[in-house]
C-alpha atoms as a PDB file:
ATOM      1  CA  MET A   1     -16.406 240.743 216.727  1.00  0.00           C
ATOM      2  CA  ALA A   2     -16.761 242.475 213.359  1.00  0.00           C
ATOM      3  CA  ARG A   3     -16.353 240.404 210.240  1.00  0.00           C
ATOM      4  CA  LYS A   4     -13.810 241.665 207.723  1.00  0.00           C
ATOM      5  CA  PRO A   5     -14.998 242.052 204.119  1.00  0.00           C
ATOM      6  CA  GLU A   6     -13.845 239.228 201.876  1.00  0.00           C
ATOM      7  CA  SER A   7     -13.631 241.385 198.759  1.00  0.00           C
ATOM      8  CA  GLU A   8     -13.412 245.059 197.866  1.00  0.00           C
ATOM      9  CA  ASN A   9     -17.126 245.124 197.028  1.00  0.00           C
ATOM     10  CA  GLU A  10     -18.194 244.428 200.614  1.00  0.00           C
ATOM     11  CA  GLY A  11     -18.223 246.710 203.627  1.00  0.00           C
ATOM     12  CA  PRO A  12     -19.978 249.944 204.465  1.00  0.00           C
ATOM     13  CA  VAL A  13     -20.007 252.781 201.964  1.00  0.00           C
ATOM     14  CA  LYS A  14     -18.791 256.165 203.200  1.00  0.00           C
ATOM     15  CA  GLU A  15     -20.322 259.207 201.507  1.00  0.00           C
ATOM     16  CA  MET A  16     -18.451 262.494 201.232  1.00  0.00           C
ATOM     17  CA  ALA A  17     -19.301 265.856 199.694  1.00  0.00           C
ATOM     18  CA  GLY A  18     -23.014 265.375 200.202  1.00  0.00           C
ATOM     19  CA  GLY A  19     -23.068 262.023 198.411  1.00  0.00           C
ATOM     20  CA  TRP A  20     -21.142 263.161 195.319  1.00  0.00           C
ATOM     21  CA  ILE A  21     -18.157 261.007 196.318  1.00  0.00           C
ATOM     22  CA  THR A  22     -18.503 257.517 197.763  1.00  0.00           C
ATOM     23  CA  GLU A  23     -15.921 254.964 198.819  1.00  0.00           C
ATOM     24  CA  ARG A  24     -15.884 251.659 200.616  1.00  0.00           C
ATOM     25  CA  THR A  25     -14.493 251.851 204.124  1.00  0.00           C
ATOM     26  CA  GLY A  26     -11.144 250.110 204.408  1.00  0.00           C
ATOM     27  CA  THR A  27     -10.307 250.224 200.678  1.00  0.00           C
ATOM     28  CA  PRO A  28      -6.522 250.625 200.385  1.00  0.00           C
ATOM     29  CA  ILE A  29      -5.041 253.426 198.279  1.00  0.00           C
ATOM     30  CA  PRO A  30      -2.609 252.120 195.622  1.00  0.00           C
ATOM     31  CA  LEU A  31       1.067 252.923 196.132  1.00  0.00           C
ATOM     32  CA  PHE A  32       1.438 254.695 192.776  1.00  0.00           C
ATOM     33  CA  LEU A  33      -1.263 257.190 193.776  1.00  0.00           C
ATOM     34  CA  LYS A  34       0.520 257.882 197.040  1.00  0.00           C
ATOM     35  CA  LEU A  35       3.796 258.429 195.200  1.00  0.00           C
ATOM     36  CA  THR A  36       2.196 261.056 192.974  1.00  0.00           C
ATOM     37  CA  TYR A  37       2.386 263.386 195.989  1.00  0.00           C
ATOM     38  CA  LEU A  38       6.148 262.958 195.914  1.00  0.00           C
ATOM     39  CA  GLY A  39       6.304 263.468 192.138  1.00  0.00           C
ATOM     40  CA  PHE A  40       4.238 266.648 192.148  1.00  0.00           C
ATOM     41  CA  GLY A  41       6.169 267.969 195.137  1.00  0.00           C
ATOM     42  CA  LEU A  42       9.506 267.365 193.437  1.00  0.00           C
ATOM     43  CA  PHE A  43       8.169 269.034 190.295  1.00  0.00           C
ATOM     44  CA  GLY A  44       7.133 272.109 192.291  1.00  0.00           C
ATOM     45  CA  PHE A  45      10.489 272.229 194.060  1.00  0.00           C
ATOM     46  CA  ALA A  46      12.438 271.909 190.786  1.00  0.00           C
ATOM     47  CA  TYR A  47      10.207 274.435 189.020  1.00  0.00           C
ATOM     48  CA  LEU A  48      10.821 276.961 191.801  1.00  0.00           C
ATOM     49  CA  PHE A  49      14.585 276.795 191.378  1.00  0.00           C
ATOM     50  CA  LEU A  50      14.763 276.332 187.602  1.00  0.00           C
ATOM     51  CA  ASN A  51      12.391 279.194 186.803  1.00  0.00           C
ATOM     52  CA  ARG A  52      12.916 281.538 189.725  1.00  0.00           C
ATOM     53  CA  THR A  53      13.575 284.466 187.379  1.00  0.00           C
ATOM     54  CA  GLY A  54      10.880 283.455 184.914  1.00  0.00           C
ATOM     55  CA  GLU A  55      10.935 281.380 181.791  1.00  0.00           C
ATOM     56  CA  VAL A  56      13.715 283.292 180.030  1.00  0.00           C
ATOM     57  CA  GLY A  57      14.529 280.460 177.613  1.00  0.00           C
ATOM     58  CA  HIS A  58      11.052 280.345 176.039  1.00  0.00           C
ATOM     59  CA  ALA A  59      10.977 281.191 172.319  1.00  0.00           C
ATOM     60  CA  THR A  60       8.183 283.763 172.395  1.00  0.00           C
ATOM     61  CA  ARG A  61       7.967 284.908 176.039  1.00  0.00           C
ATOM     62  CA  GLY A  62      11.683 284.806 176.820  1.00  0.00           C
ATOM     63  CA  PRO A  63      12.635 288.297 175.586  1.00  0.00           C
ATOM     64  CA  LEU A  64       9.710 289.901 177.408  1.00  0.00           C
ATOM     65  CA  VAL A  65      10.572 288.050 180.620  1.00  0.00           C
ATOM     66  CA  ARG A  66      14.215 289.180 180.335  1.00  0.00           C
ATOM     67  CA  GLN A  67      13.065 292.802 179.933  1.00  0.00           C
ATOM     68  CA  ALA A  68      10.796 292.486 182.955  1.00  0.00           C
ATOM     69  CA  ASN A  69      13.685 291.024 184.968  1.00  0.00           C
ATOM     70  CA  GLU A  70      15.863 294.035 184.086  1.00  0.00           C
ATOM     71  CA  VAL A  71      13.204 296.386 185.455  1.00  0.00           C
ATOM     72  CA  MET A  72      12.167 294.368 188.531  1.00  0.00           C
ATOM     73  CA  GLY A  73      15.343 292.485 189.384  1.00  0.00           C
ATOM     74  CA  ALA A  74      15.674 288.896 190.543  1.00  0.00           C
ATOM     75  CA  PRO A  75      13.760 287.730 193.617  1.00  0.00           C
ATOM     76  CA  PRO A  76      15.869 287.730 196.791  1.00  0.00           C
ATOM     77  CA  THR A  77      17.497 284.430 197.716  1.00  0.00           C
ATOM     78  CA  ALA A  78      15.883 284.537 201.160  1.00  0.00           C
ATOM     79  CA  TRP A  79      12.398 284.440 199.622  1.00  0.00           C
ATOM     80  CA  ILE A  80      13.333 281.556 197.331  1.00  0.00           C
ATOM     81  CA  ALA A  81      14.792 279.662 200.304  1.00  0.00           C
ATOM     82  CA  LEU A  82      11.643 280.331 202.352  1.00  0.00           C
ATOM     83  CA  LEU A  83       9.383 279.112 199.536  1.00  0.00           C
ATOM     84  CA  GLY A  84      11.588 276.044 199.024  1.00  0.00           C
ATOM     85  CA  THR A  85      11.376 275.250 202.741  1.00  0.00           C
ATOM     86  CA  LEU A  86       7.593 275.645 202.719  1.00  0.00           C
ATOM     87  CA  ILE A  87       7.241 273.374 199.674  1.00  0.00           C
ATOM     88  CA  ALA A  88       9.514 270.749 201.261  1.00  0.00           C
ATOM     89  CA  ALA A  89       7.521 270.878 204.526  1.00  0.00           C
ATOM     90  CA  PHE A  90       4.233 270.602 202.637  1.00  0.00           C
ATOM     91  CA  VAL A  91       5.456 267.578 200.664  1.00  0.00           C
ATOM     92  CA  ALA A  92       6.763 265.933 203.858  1.00  0.00           C
ATOM     93  CA  LEU A  93       3.384 266.476 205.527  1.00  0.00           C
ATOM     94  CA  LEU A  94       1.567 265.026 202.512  1.00  0.00           C
ATOM     95  CA  LEU A  95       3.807 261.967 202.475  1.00  0.00           C
ATOM     96  CA  TRP A  96       3.335 261.454 206.211  1.00  0.00           C
ATOM     97  CA  PHE A  97      -0.427 261.694 205.773  1.00  0.00           C
ATOM     98  CA  ALA A  98      -0.424 259.336 202.755  1.00  0.00           C
ATOM     99  CA  PHE A  99       1.708 256.602 204.361  1.00  0.00           C
ATOM    100  CA  ARG A 100       0.434 256.704 207.939  1.00  0.00           C
ATOM    101  CA  LYS A 101      -1.520 253.808 209.353  1.00  0.00           C
ATOM    102  CA  GLU A 102      -5.233 254.525 209.140  1.00  0.00           C
ATOM    103  CA  GLY A 103      -7.413 254.139 212.216  1.00  0.00           C
ATOM    104  CA  ALA A 104     -10.532 251.993 212.334  1.00  0.00           C
ATOM    105  CA  ASP A 105     -12.875 254.969 212.041  1.00  0.00           C
ATOM    106  CA  GLU A 106     -11.264 256.580 208.985  1.00  0.00           C
END
């Protein structure tokens, strides 16, 4: 029967990226780092809908963005909905991956 490490400084070291990154096997990832996936995902989702026609309220770029919008038109709602769905699915997949139970060999 394998003995569990008594502290974080015990246990086998797993090397990744050709030895550039190392970690101890079985080291838990802190909750706040896992929740950053949610934060960045929500930021991307909000940014998509708040700035879907560009950053028109910006002091220096705003007038140029408004002129470009007059020439090009606003993006179709179907594309924005598709991108929003893809972002939501990506964030859900990241959260599932971050909070799943890890196997013994991971």
